[in-house]
Amino acid sequence: MYNGDRSRKEILIEYGFRLPSALDNRPLRFEEFERKMNQVIYVSATPGPYERAKSQKIVEQIIRPTGLVDPEVVVRPVQGQIDDLIHEIRETTKRGERVLVTTLTKKMAEDLTEYLTELGIKARYLHSEIETLDRVDILYDLRAGEFDVLVGVNLLREGLDLPEVSLVAILDADKEGFLRSETSLIQTIGRAARNVRGRVILYADEITDSMQRALQETERRRRLQLEYNEKHGITPETVKKALKEFMPELARERKEQRATKKLAVKTPAELADLIKELEREMYAAAKRLEFEKAARLRDEIKELRHKLIGVAG
């Protein structure tokens, strides 16, 4: 935020639109903000190294009000993974439930979706090249039962709360990288935790360190949740979330996109600076795993670039 603010103002000062004193009114640097902090509570589903290093005490919130437990996770070999996946999809969709499948590449997501469709399975894919509004529409259709299987490269998107999903399949789970890190695996596994029959299948030929840690953490949580339910006589129930509750999010996305289109025409220098600032925000959001926000920023940047070409021309 500090760098973006300074970069924008330096251009305005250089061309005489602002006085040099404008630089004094600025956001704090992170280290400056840290010095002003006293008592802080960090809240995160997946706290990172920074939060863990700074925390003197960690309080876990593992027990869910619905009594739901973390899903059962199994590991199966890569050989024959597609045939096995198809069998699991058919068994799951017979019960009127949905399936999430995560792949490593966009091409694999598209090819797998095409193959599933040829077999008569109602499937769609989701990846970064799909516009933000289309992504929201796709998720709405999945909940509404317009299709049964969603194939995606990255299904860690913020707010991906789909109680109809009872099976999550992670292809090539043993390929180390950002999409198969411990945090990513735990979050992806959690996509099946909204349904009482939630299950996760990891297709892998070996157990990587990330997989091992994710499996151990999921099993630890599951054990504590089961013990708590048994002690208090709680019967787990699938999350009840009416489809109409999904509509405000869709309306908000449309409103934000309309607001972007109404941006006043700026000078080429201002537009270029705004694009750089949004790019920094986009990468920061992606780093924090806020992929919904990152996708929205990406669409704004794309539109501003078109506007920049028009203004420059």
C-alpha atoms as a PDB file:
ATOM      1  CA  MET A   1       0.000   0.000   0.000  1.00  0.00           C
ATOM      2  CA  TYR A   2       2.820   2.399   0.891  1.00  0.00           C
ATOM      3  CA  ASN A   3       4.689   1.833  -2.373  1.00  0.00           C
ATOM      4  CA  GLY A   4       1.547   2.185  -4.479  1.00  0.00           C
ATOM      5  CA  ASP A   5       0.566   5.425  -2.753  1.00  0.00           C
ATOM      6  CA  ARG A   6       4.042   6.902  -3.149  1.00  0.00           C
ATOM      7  CA  SER A   7       4.383   5.870  -6.802  1.00  0.00           C
ATOM      8  CA  ARG A   8       1.051   7.497  -7.680  1.00  0.00           C
ATOM      9  CA  LYS A   9       1.858  10.749  -5.877  1.00  0.00           C
ATOM     10  CA  GLU A  10       5.393  11.025  -7.271  1.00  0.00           C
ATOM     11  CA  ILE A  11       3.971  11.158 -10.807  1.00  0.00           C
ATOM     12  CA  LEU A  12       1.435  13.812  -9.789  1.00  0.00           C
ATOM     13  CA  ILE A  13       4.157  15.859  -8.078  1.00  0.00           C
ATOM     14  CA  GLU A  14       6.477  15.508 -11.075  1.00  0.00           C
ATOM     15  CA  TYR A  15       3.836  16.963 -13.413  1.00  0.00           C
ATOM     16  CA  GLY A  16       2.814  19.708 -10.991  1.00  0.00           C
ATOM     17  CA  PHE A  17      -0.598  18.349  -9.978  1.00  0.00           C
ATOM     18  CA  ARG A  18       0.389  17.976  -6.300  1.00  0.00           C
ATOM     19  CA  LEU A  19       2.768  19.716  -3.905  1.00  0.00           C
ATOM     20  CA  PRO A  20       5.766  17.738  -2.586  1.00  0.00           C
ATOM     21  CA  SER A  21       4.158  17.808   0.863  1.00  0.00           C
ATOM     22  CA  ALA A  22       1.540  15.371  -0.474  1.00  0.00           C
ATOM     23  CA  LEU A  23       4.067  12.606   0.241  1.00  0.00           C
ATOM     24  CA  ASP A  24       3.752  13.309   3.968  1.00  0.00           C
ATOM     25  CA  ASN A  25       0.151  12.096   3.996  1.00  0.00           C
ATOM     26  CA  ARG A  26       0.767   8.396   3.452  1.00  0.00           C
ATOM     27  CA  PRO A  27      -0.057   4.914   4.736  1.00  0.00           C
ATOM     28  CA  LEU A  28       2.262   3.357   7.304  1.00  0.00           C
ATOM     29  CA  ARG A  29       4.913   0.882   6.250  1.00  0.00           C
ATOM     30  CA  PHE A  30       4.338  -2.555   7.732  1.00  0.00           C
ATOM     31  CA  GLU A  31       7.281  -2.238  10.124  1.00  0.00           C
ATOM     32  CA  GLU A  32       5.900   1.139  11.280  1.00  0.00           C
ATOM     33  CA  PHE A  33       2.503  -0.428  11.844  1.00  0.00           C
ATOM     34  CA  GLU A  34       4.105  -3.254  13.828  1.00  0.00           C
ATOM     35  CA  ARG A  35       5.747  -0.752  16.194  1.00  0.00           C
ATOM     36  CA  LYS A  36       2.342   0.783  16.945  1.00  0.00           C
ATOM     37  CA  MET A  37       0.653  -2.542  17.687  1.00  0.00           C
ATOM     38  CA  ASN A  38       0.015  -3.464  21.303  1.00  0.00           C
ATOM     39  CA  GLN A  39      -2.186  -6.510  21.798  1.00  0.00           C
ATOM     40  CA  VAL A  40      -3.127  -8.299  18.607  1.00  0.00           C
ATOM     41  CA  ILE A  41      -5.418 -11.228  17.822  1.00  0.00           C
ATOM     42  CA  TYR A  42      -4.638 -13.062  14.582  1.00  0.00           C
ATOM     43  CA  VAL A  43      -7.589 -14.980  13.140  1.00  0.00           C
ATOM     44  CA  SER A  44      -6.931 -17.473  10.352  1.00  0.00           C
ATOM     45  CA  ALA A  45      -8.109 -20.890   9.205  1.00  0.00           C
ATOM     46  CA  THR A  46      -4.510 -21.626   8.195  1.00  0.00           C
ATOM     47  CA  PRO A  47      -2.095 -19.440  10.203  1.00  0.00           C
ATOM     48  CA  GLY A  48       1.257 -18.957   8.515  1.00  0.00           C
ATOM     49  CA  PRO A  49       4.823 -18.785   9.872  1.00  0.00           C
ATOM     50  CA  TYR A  50       4.494 -15.066  10.724  1.00  0.00           C
ATOM     51  CA  GLU A  51       1.392 -15.525  12.900  1.00  0.00           C
ATOM     52  CA  ARG A  52       2.821 -18.601  14.592  1.00  0.00           C
ATOM     53  CA  ALA A  53       6.121 -16.848  15.327  1.00  0.00           C
ATOM     54  CA  LYS A  54       4.394 -13.788  16.798  1.00  0.00           C
ATOM     55  CA  SER A  55       1.767 -15.649  18.832  1.00  0.00           C
ATOM     56  CA  GLN A  56       2.358 -16.399  22.502  1.00  0.00           C
ATOM     57  CA  LYS A  57      -0.725 -18.590  22.681  1.00  0.00           C
ATOM     58  CA  ILE A  58      -2.741 -20.334  19.976  1.00  0.00           C
ATOM     59  CA  VAL A  59      -6.405 -21.189  20.548  1.00  0.00           C
ATOM     60  CA  GLU A  60      -7.852 -23.692  18.090  1.00  0.00           C
ATOM     61  CA  GLN A  61     -11.466 -23.693  16.952  1.00  0.00           C
ATOM     62  CA  ILE A  62     -11.874 -27.261  15.779  1.00  0.00           C
ATOM     63  CA  ILE A  63     -15.406 -28.135  16.896  1.00  0.00           C
ATOM     64  CA  ARG A  64     -18.164 -27.092  14.478  1.00  0.00           C
ATOM     65  CA  PRO A  65     -21.694 -26.147  15.662  1.00  0.00           C
ATOM     66  CA  THR A  66     -23.156 -28.659  13.186  1.00  0.00           C
ATOM     67  CA  GLY A  67     -21.081 -31.492  14.651  1.00  0.00           C
ATOM     68  CA  LEU A  68     -19.447 -32.049  11.268  1.00  0.00           C
ATOM     69  CA  VAL A  69     -16.013 -33.632  11.351  1.00  0.00           C
ATOM     70  CA  ASP A  70     -13.122 -33.258   8.949  1.00  0.00           C
ATOM     71  CA  PRO A  71     -13.569 -35.630   5.990  1.00  0.00           C
ATOM     72  CA  GLU A  72     -12.053 -39.072   5.743  1.00  0.00           C
ATOM     73  CA  VAL A  73      -8.983 -38.957   3.482  1.00  0.00           C
ATOM     74  CA  VAL A  74      -7.661 -41.893   1.469  1.00  0.00           C
ATOM     75  CA  VAL A  75      -4.630 -42.162  -0.819  1.00  0.00           C
ATOM     76  CA  ARG A  76      -4.864 -44.152  -4.059  1.00  0.00           C
ATOM     77  CA  PRO A  77      -2.299 -44.829  -6.825  1.00  0.00           C
ATOM     78  CA  VAL A  78      -2.000 -42.554  -9.850  1.00  0.00           C
ATOM     79  CA  GLN A  79      -2.236 -45.476 -12.267  1.00  0.00           C
ATOM     80  CA  GLY A  80      -5.875 -45.841 -13.212  1.00  0.00           C
ATOM     81  CA  GLN A  81      -6.821 -42.662 -11.353  1.00  0.00           C
ATOM     82  CA  ILE A  82      -9.237 -41.454 -14.046  1.00  0.00           C
ATOM     83  CA  ASP A  83     -11.158 -44.742 -14.185  1.00  0.00           C
ATOM     84  CA  ASP A  84     -11.317 -44.829 -10.399  1.00  0.00           C
ATOM     85  CA  LEU A  85     -12.429 -41.190 -10.322  1.00  0.00           C
ATOM     86  CA  ILE A  86     -15.231 -41.850 -12.815  1.00  0.00           C
ATOM     87  CA  HIS A  87     -16.495 -44.726 -10.660  1.00  0.00           C
ATOM     88  CA  GLU A  88     -16.472 -42.515  -7.559  1.00  0.00           C
ATOM     89  CA  ILE A  89     -18.235 -39.694  -9.424  1.00  0.00           C
ATOM     90  CA  ARG A  90     -21.027 -42.002 -10.558  1.00  0.00           C
ATOM     91  CA  GLU A  91     -21.523 -43.364  -7.029  1.00  0.00           C
ATOM     92  CA  THR A  92     -21.589 -39.849  -5.558  1.00  0.00           C
ATOM     93  CA  THR A  93     -23.933 -38.294  -8.104  1.00  0.00           C
ATOM     94  CA  LYS A  94     -26.403 -41.169  -7.635  1.00  0.00           C
ATOM     95  CA  ARG A  95     -27.074 -39.682  -4.199  1.00  0.00           C
ATOM     96  CA  GLY A  96     -27.642 -36.221  -5.652  1.00  0.00           C
ATOM     97  CA  GLU A  97     -24.327 -34.940  -4.302  1.00  0.00           C
ATOM     98  CA  ARG A  98     -21.602 -32.937  -6.046  1.00  0.00           C
ATOM     99  CA  VAL A  99     -17.918 -33.540  -6.743  1.00  0.00           C
ATOM    100  CA  LEU A 100     -14.889 -31.244  -6.868  1.00  0.00           C
ATOM    101  CA  VAL A 101     -11.819 -32.376  -8.828  1.00  0.00           C
ATOM    102  CA  THR A 102      -8.587 -30.408  -8.676  1.00  0.00           C
ATOM    103  CA  THR A 103      -5.884 -30.729 -11.346  1.00  0.00           C
ATOM    104  CA  LEU A 104      -2.465 -29.149 -11.832  1.00  0.00           C
ATOM    105  CA  THR A 105      -2.964 -27.452 -15.218  1.00  0.00           C
ATOM    106  CA  LYS A 106      -5.710 -25.606 -17.076  1.00  0.00           C
ATOM    107  CA  LYS A 107      -5.360 -27.934 -20.069  1.00  0.00           C
ATOM    108  CA  MET A 108      -5.836 -30.998 -17.906  1.00  0.00           C
ATOM    109  CA  ALA A 109      -8.924 -29.417 -16.333  1.00  0.00           C
ATOM    110  CA  GLU A 110     -10.406 -28.707 -19.761  1.00  0.00           C
ATOM    111  CA  ASP A 111      -9.480 -32.123 -21.201  1.00  0.00           C
ATOM    112  CA  LEU A 112     -10.842 -33.989 -18.177  1.00  0.00           C
ATOM    113  CA  THR A 113     -14.085 -31.993 -18.305  1.00  0.00           C
ATOM    114  CA  GLU A 114     -14.469 -32.797 -21.996  1.00  0.00           C
ATOM    115  CA  TYR A 115     -13.837 -36.500 -21.343  1.00  0.00           C
ATOM    116  CA  LEU A 116     -16.330 -36.622 -18.475  1.00  0.00           C
ATOM    117  CA  THR A 117     -18.930 -34.874 -20.633  1.00  0.00           C
ATOM    118  CA  GLU A 118     -18.425 -37.444 -23.403  1.00  0.00           C
ATOM    119  CA  LEU A 119     -19.200 -40.138 -20.827  1.00  0.00           C
ATOM    120  CA  GLY A 120     -22.503 -38.476 -19.996  1.00  0.00           C
ATOM    121  CA  ILE A 121     -21.326 -36.860 -16.757  1.00  0.00           C
ATOM    122  CA  LYS A 122     -22.448 -33.263 -16.284  1.00  0.00           C
ATOM    123  CA  ALA A 123     -19.175 -31.426 -15.671  1.00  0.00           C
ATOM    124  CA  ARG A 124     -17.663 -27.964 -16.048  1.00  0.00           C
ATOM    125  CA  TYR A 125     -14.230 -26.509 -15.434  1.00  0.00           C
ATOM    126  CA  LEU A 126     -13.032 -23.464 -13.528  1.00  0.00           C
ATOM    127  CA  HIS A 127      -9.685 -21.701 -13.883  1.00  0.00           C
ATOM    128  CA  SER A 128      -8.063 -18.270 -13.944  1.00  0.00           C
ATOM    129  CA  GLU A 129      -9.004 -17.416 -17.540  1.00  0.00           C
ATOM    130  CA  ILE A 130     -12.710 -17.475 -16.705  1.00  0.00           C
ATOM    131  CA  GLU A 131     -14.177 -14.048 -15.902  1.00  0.00           C
ATOM    132  CA  THR A 132     -15.072 -13.362 -12.272  1.00  0.00           C
ATOM    133  CA  LEU A 133     -18.816 -13.137 -12.886  1.00  0.00           C
ATOM    134  CA  ASP A 134     -18.771 -16.349 -14.895  1.00  0.00           C
ATOM    135  CA  ARG A 135     -17.004 -18.063 -12.000  1.00  0.00           C
ATOM    136  CA  VAL A 136     -19.749 -17.025  -9.586  1.00  0.00           C
ATOM    137  CA  ASP A 137     -22.416 -18.190 -12.043  1.00  0.00           C
ATOM    138  CA  ILE A 138     -20.669 -21.560 -12.385  1.00  0.00           C
ATOM    139  CA  LEU A 139     -20.606 -22.046  -8.612  1.00  0.00           C
ATOM    140  CA  TYR A 140     -24.276 -21.095  -8.414  1.00  0.00           C
ATOM    141  CA  ASP A 141     -25.145 -23.638 -11.120  1.00  0.00           C
ATOM    142  CA  LEU A 142     -23.177 -26.328  -9.282  1.00  0.00           C
ATOM    143  CA  ARG A 143     -25.213 -25.757  -6.124  1.00  0.00           C
ATOM    144  CA  ALA A 144     -28.435 -25.606  -8.146  1.00  0.00           C
ATOM    145  CA  GLY A 145     -27.727 -29.012  -9.697  1.00  0.00           C
ATOM    146  CA  GLU A 146     -27.266 -27.776 -13.269  1.00  0.00           C
ATOM    147  CA  PHE A 147     -24.161 -29.975 -13.313  1.00  0.00           C
ATOM    148  CA  ASP A 148     -22.543 -32.405 -10.866  1.00  0.00           C
ATOM    149  CA  VAL A 149     -18.760 -32.181 -11.230  1.00  0.00           C
ATOM    150  CA  LEU A 150     -16.568 -29.083 -11.056  1.00  0.00           C
ATOM    151  CA  VAL A 151     -13.001 -29.514 -12.311  1.00  0.00           C
ATOM    152  CA  GLY A 152     -10.527 -26.779 -11.412  1.00  0.00           C
ATOM    153  CA  VAL A 153      -6.859 -25.938 -11.185  1.00  0.00           C
ATOM    154  CA  ASN A 154      -7.239 -24.056  -7.945  1.00  0.00           C
ATOM    155  CA  LEU A 155     -10.307 -24.615  -5.805  1.00  0.00           C
ATOM    156  CA  LEU A 156      -9.021 -22.740  -2.747  1.00  0.00           C
ATOM    157  CA  ARG A 157     -11.052 -19.702  -3.631  1.00  0.00           C
ATOM    158  CA  GLU A 158     -12.226 -17.677  -0.668  1.00  0.00           C
ATOM    159  CA  GLY A 159     -15.891 -18.316   0.094  1.00  0.00           C
ATOM    160  CA  LEU A 160     -16.070 -21.643  -1.740  1.00  0.00           C
ATOM    161  CA  ASP A 161     -18.692 -22.942   0.682  1.00  0.00           C
ATOM    162  CA  LEU A 162     -20.585 -25.722  -1.078  1.00  0.00           C
ATOM    163  CA  PRO A 163     -22.495 -28.034   1.302  1.00  0.00           C
ATOM    164  CA  GLU A 164     -23.706 -30.171  -1.614  1.00  0.00           C
ATOM    165  CA  VAL A 165     -20.128 -31.345  -2.265  1.00  0.00           C
ATOM    166  CA  SER A 166     -19.411 -34.696  -0.600  1.00  0.00           C
ATOM    167  CA  LEU A 167     -16.360 -35.784  -2.610  1.00  0.00           C
ATOM    168  CA  VAL A 168     -13.137 -33.937  -3.344  1.00  0.00           C
ATOM    169  CA  ALA A 169     -10.578 -35.620  -5.608  1.00  0.00           C
ATOM    170  CA  ILE A 170      -7.015 -34.279  -5.801  1.00  0.00           C
ATOM    171  CA  LEU A 171      -5.160 -35.545  -8.868  1.00  0.00           C
ATOM    172  CA  ASP A 172      -1.350 -35.790  -8.805  1.00  0.00           C
ATOM    173  CA  ALA A 173      -1.322 -35.000  -5.093  1.00  0.00           C
ATOM    174  CA  ASP A 174       2.349 -35.982  -4.811  1.00  0.00           C
ATOM    175  CA  LYS A 175       3.588 -33.221  -7.143  1.00  0.00           C
ATOM    176  CA  GLU A 176       5.236 -30.765  -4.734  1.00  0.00           C
ATOM    177  CA  GLY A 177       4.488 -27.097  -5.348  1.00  0.00           C
ATOM    178  CA  PHE A 178       2.212 -24.245  -4.347  1.00  0.00           C
ATOM    179  CA  LEU A 179      -0.983 -26.082  -5.311  1.00  0.00           C
ATOM    180  CA  ARG A 180       0.105 -29.195  -3.411  1.00  0.00           C
ATOM    181  CA  SER A 181       1.656 -27.566  -0.341  1.00  0.00           C
ATOM    182  CA  GLU A 182       0.543 -28.509   3.163  1.00  0.00           C
ATOM    183  CA  THR A 183      -1.661 -25.407   3.479  1.00  0.00           C
ATOM    184  CA  SER A 184      -3.207 -25.857   0.034  1.00  0.00           C
ATOM    185  CA  LEU A 185      -3.936 -29.532   0.663  1.00  0.00           C
ATOM    186  CA  ILE A 186      -5.548 -28.827   4.041  1.00  0.00           C
ATOM    187  CA  GLN A 187      -7.723 -26.113   2.537  1.00  0.00           C
ATOM    188  CA  THR A 188      -8.720 -28.264  -0.426  1.00  0.00           C
ATOM    189  CA  ILE A 189      -9.531 -31.175   1.887  1.00  0.00           C
ATOM    190  CA  GLY A 190     -11.720 -28.771   3.848  1.00  0.00           C
ATOM    191  CA  ARG A 191     -13.975 -28.291   0.812  1.00  0.00           C
ATOM    192  CA  ALA A 192     -15.571 -31.640   1.726  1.00  0.00           C
ATOM    193  CA  ALA A 193     -16.134 -30.715   5.375  1.00  0.00           C
ATOM    194  CA  ARG A 194     -19.561 -29.133   4.798  1.00  0.00           C
ATOM    195  CA  ASN A 195     -21.240 -32.452   4.063  1.00  0.00           C
ATOM    196  CA  VAL A 196     -21.816 -35.250   6.565  1.00  0.00           C
ATOM    197  CA  ARG A 197     -20.642 -37.799   3.954  1.00  0.00           C
ATOM    198  CA  GLY A 198     -17.586 -35.766   3.006  1.00  0.00           C
ATOM    199  CA  ARG A 199     -14.652 -37.761   1.617  1.00  0.00           C
ATOM    200  CA  VAL A 200     -11.357 -36.867  -0.022  1.00  0.00           C
ATOM    201  CA  ILE A 201      -9.253 -38.974  -2.374  1.00  0.00           C
ATOM    202  CA  LEU A 202      -5.599 -38.115  -2.969  1.00  0.00           C
ATOM    203  CA  TYR A 203      -4.190 -39.766  -6.078  1.00  0.00           C
ATOM    204  CA  ALA A 204      -0.451 -40.217  -5.531  1.00  0.00           C
ATOM    205  CA  ASP A 205       2.314 -42.783  -5.935  1.00  0.00           C
ATOM    206  CA  GLU A 206       4.240 -41.559  -2.901  1.00  0.00           C
ATOM    207  CA  ILE A 207       3.504 -39.663   0.293  1.00  0.00           C
ATOM    208  CA  THR A 208       5.274 -36.300   0.135  1.00  0.00           C
ATOM    209  CA  ASP A 209       6.171 -34.340   3.271  1.00  0.00           C
ATOM    210  CA  SER A 210       3.337 -31.910   2.530  1.00  0.00           C
ATOM    211  CA  MET A 211       0.872 -34.772   2.135  1.00  0.00           C
ATOM    212  CA  GLN A 212       2.066 -36.410   5.343  1.00  0.00           C
ATOM    213  CA  ARG A 213       1.631 -33.234   7.375  1.00  0.00           C
ATOM    214  CA  ALA A 214      -1.773 -32.518   5.823  1.00  0.00           C
ATOM    215  CA  LEU A 215      -2.962 -36.079   6.491  1.00  0.00           C
ATOM    216  CA  GLN A 216      -1.727 -35.995  10.080  1.00  0.00           C
ATOM    217  CA  GLU A 217      -3.368 -32.630  10.783  1.00  0.00           C
ATOM    218  CA  THR A 218      -6.673 -33.694   9.232  1.00  0.00           C
ATOM    219  CA  GLU A 219      -6.655 -36.959  11.184  1.00  0.00           C
ATOM    220  CA  ARG A 220      -5.820 -35.103  14.425  1.00  0.00           C
ATOM    221  CA  ARG A 221      -8.752 -32.726  13.971  1.00  0.00           C
ATOM    222  CA  ARG A 222     -11.074 -35.544  12.956  1.00  0.00           C
ATOM    223  CA  ARG A 223     -10.179 -37.562  16.056  1.00  0.00           C
ATOM    224  CA  LEU A 224     -10.860 -34.623  18.393  1.00  0.00           C
ATOM    225  CA  GLN A 225     -14.157 -33.863  16.651  1.00  0.00           C
ATOM    226  CA  LEU A 226     -15.355 -37.472  16.852  1.00  0.00           C
ATOM    227  CA  GLU A 227     -14.422 -37.668  20.538  1.00  0.00           C
ATOM    228  CA  TYR A 228     -16.310 -34.454  21.264  1.00  0.00           C
ATOM    229  CA  ASN A 229     -19.400 -35.616  19.374  1.00  0.00           C
ATOM    230  CA  GLU A 230     -19.424 -38.954  21.196  1.00  0.00           C
ATOM    231  CA  LYS A 231     -18.956 -37.301  24.584  1.00  0.00           C
ATOM    232  CA  HIS A 232     -21.821 -34.849  24.039  1.00  0.00           C
ATOM    233  CA  GLY A 233     -24.159 -37.087  22.029  1.00  0.00           C
ATOM    234  CA  ILE A 234     -23.968 -34.924  18.895  1.00  0.00           C
ATOM    235  CA  THR A 235     -25.082 -36.295  15.533  1.00  0.00           C
ATOM    236  CA  PRO A 236     -23.341 -34.481  12.633  1.00  0.00           C
ATOM    237  CA  GLU A 237     -25.578 -32.710  10.131  1.00  0.00           C
ATOM    238  CA  THR A 238     -24.794 -31.346   6.676  1.00  0.00           C
ATOM    239  CA  VAL A 239     -24.645 -27.549   6.560  1.00  0.00           C
ATOM    240  CA  LYS A 240     -28.039 -26.113   5.621  1.00  0.00           C
ATOM    241  CA  LYS A 241     -27.447 -23.200   3.288  1.00  0.00           C
ATOM    242  CA  ALA A 242     -30.325 -22.037   1.096  1.00  0.00           C
ATOM    243  CA  LEU A 243     -29.442 -21.342  -2.513  1.00  0.00           C
ATOM    244  CA  LYS A 244     -30.843 -17.806  -2.212  1.00  0.00           C
ATOM    245  CA  GLU A 245     -28.053 -17.029   0.274  1.00  0.00           C
ATOM    246  CA  PHE A 246     -25.667 -17.331  -2.647  1.00  0.00           C
ATOM    247  CA  MET A 247     -27.400 -14.515  -4.547  1.00  0.00           C
ATOM    248  CA  PRO A 248     -26.082 -11.517  -2.515  1.00  0.00           C
ATOM    249  CA  GLU A 249     -22.530 -12.520  -3.469  1.00  0.00           C
ATOM    250  CA  LEU A 250     -23.514 -12.648  -7.136  1.00  0.00           C
ATOM    251  CA  ALA A 251     -25.198  -9.235  -6.880  1.00  0.00           C
ATOM    252  CA  ARG A 252     -22.132  -7.768  -5.161  1.00  0.00           C
ATOM    253  CA  GLU A 253     -19.825  -9.006  -7.914  1.00  0.00           C
ATOM    254  CA  ARG A 254     -22.033  -7.407 -10.571  1.00  0.00           C
ATOM    255  CA  LYS A 255     -22.187  -4.135  -8.641  1.00  0.00           C
ATOM    256  CA  GLU A 256     -18.406  -4.005  -8.287  1.00  0.00           C
ATOM    257  CA  GLN A 257     -17.908  -4.637 -11.989  1.00  0.00           C
ATOM    258  CA  ARG A 258     -20.374  -1.876 -12.884  1.00  0.00           C
ATOM    259  CA  ALA A 259     -18.469   0.482 -10.584  1.00  0.00           C
ATOM    260  CA  THR A 260     -15.246  -0.383 -12.396  1.00  0.00           C
ATOM    261  CA  LYS A 261     -16.803   0.519 -15.747  1.00  0.00           C
ATOM    262  CA  LYS A 262     -17.818   3.924 -14.399  1.00  0.00           C
ATOM    263  CA  LEU A 263     -14.253   4.931 -13.573  1.00  0.00           C
ATOM    264  CA  ALA A 264     -13.575   8.412 -14.899  1.00  0.00           C
ATOM    265  CA  VAL A 265     -11.114   8.629 -17.774  1.00  0.00           C
ATOM    266  CA  LYS A 266      -7.681   9.458 -16.386  1.00  0.00           C
ATOM    267  CA  THR A 267      -4.446  10.585 -18.000  1.00  0.00           C
ATOM    268  CA  PRO A 268      -2.248   7.775 -19.382  1.00  0.00           C
ATOM    269  CA  ALA A 269       0.228   8.286 -16.533  1.00  0.00           C
ATOM    270  CA  GLU A 270      -2.477   7.991 -13.879  1.00  0.00           C
ATOM    271  CA  LEU A 271      -4.012   4.936 -15.515  1.00  0.00           C
ATOM    272  CA  ALA A 272      -0.636   3.211 -15.801  1.00  0.00           C
ATOM    273  CA  ASP A 273       0.071   3.944 -12.147  1.00  0.00           C
ATOM    274  CA  LEU A 274      -3.348   2.667 -11.070  1.00  0.00           C
ATOM    275  CA  ILE A 275      -2.769  -0.554 -13.029  1.00  0.00           C
ATOM    276  CA  LYS A 276       0.563  -1.092 -11.256  1.00  0.00           C
ATOM    277  CA  GLU A 277      -1.065  -0.528  -7.876  1.00  0.00           C
ATOM    278  CA  LEU A 278      -3.865  -2.990  -8.636  1.00  0.00           C
ATOM    279  CA  GLU A 279      -1.320  -5.551  -9.850  1.00  0.00           C
ATOM    280  CA  ARG A 280       0.502  -5.315  -6.531  1.00  0.00           C
ATOM    281  CA  GLU A 281      -2.788  -5.783  -4.686  1.00  0.00           C
ATOM    282  CA  MET A 282      -3.643  -8.743  -6.923  1.00  0.00           C
ATOM    283  CA  TYR A 283      -0.353 -10.548  -6.250  1.00  0.00           C
ATOM    284  CA  ALA A 284      -0.641  -9.811  -2.526  1.00  0.00           C
ATOM    285  CA  ALA A 285      -4.190 -11.209  -2.474  1.00  0.00           C
ATOM    286  CA  ALA A 286      -3.049 -14.356  -4.294  1.00  0.00           C
ATOM    287  CA  LYS A 287      -0.214 -14.782  -1.800  1.00  0.00           C
ATOM    288  CA  ARG A 288      -2.753 -14.610   1.040  1.00  0.00           C
ATOM    289  CA  LEU A 289      -4.861 -17.243  -0.817  1.00  0.00           C
ATOM    290  CA  GLU A 290      -7.638 -14.660  -1.362  1.00  0.00           C
ATOM    291  CA  PHE A 291      -8.218 -15.877  -4.895  1.00  0.00           C
ATOM    292  CA  GLU A 292     -11.716 -14.433  -5.243  1.00  0.00           C
ATOM    293  CA  LYS A 293     -10.317 -10.942  -4.622  1.00  0.00           C
ATOM    294  CA  ALA A 294      -7.315 -11.596  -6.869  1.00  0.00           C
ATOM    295  CA  ALA A 295      -9.584 -12.672  -9.736  1.00  0.00           C
ATOM    296  CA  ARG A 296     -11.705  -9.550  -9.346  1.00  0.00           C
ATOM    297  CA  LEU A 297      -8.598  -7.342  -9.408  1.00  0.00           C
ATOM    298  CA  ARG A 298      -7.354  -9.170 -12.498  1.00  0.00           C
ATOM    299  CA  ASP A 299     -10.582  -8.324 -14.333  1.00  0.00           C
ATOM    300  CA  GLU A 300     -10.317  -4.666 -13.265  1.00  0.00           C
ATOM    301  CA  ILE A 301      -6.737  -4.526 -14.526  1.00  0.00           C
ATOM    302  CA  LYS A 302      -7.762  -6.011 -17.867  1.00  0.00           C
ATOM    303  CA  GLU A 303     -10.468  -3.384 -18.297  1.00  0.00           C
ATOM    304  CA  LEU A 304      -8.154  -0.524 -17.300  1.00  0.00           C
ATOM    305  CA  ARG A 305      -5.557  -1.684 -19.838  1.00  0.00           C
ATOM    306  CA  HIS A 306      -8.177  -1.454 -22.588  1.00  0.00           C
ATOM    307  CA  LYS A 307      -9.044   2.027 -21.367  1.00  0.00           C
ATOM    308  CA  LEU A 308      -5.355   2.987 -21.306  1.00  0.00           C
ATOM    309  CA  ILE A 309      -4.984   1.966 -24.962  1.00  0.00           C
ATOM    310  CA  GLY A 310      -8.013   4.106 -25.824  1.00  0.00           C
ATOM    311  CA  VAL A 311      -6.738   7.159 -23.944  1.00  0.00           C
ATOM    312  CA  ALA A 312      -3.209   6.837 -25.338  1.00  0.00           C
ATOM    313  CA  GLY A 313      -4.572   6.449 -28.861  1.00  0.00           C
END
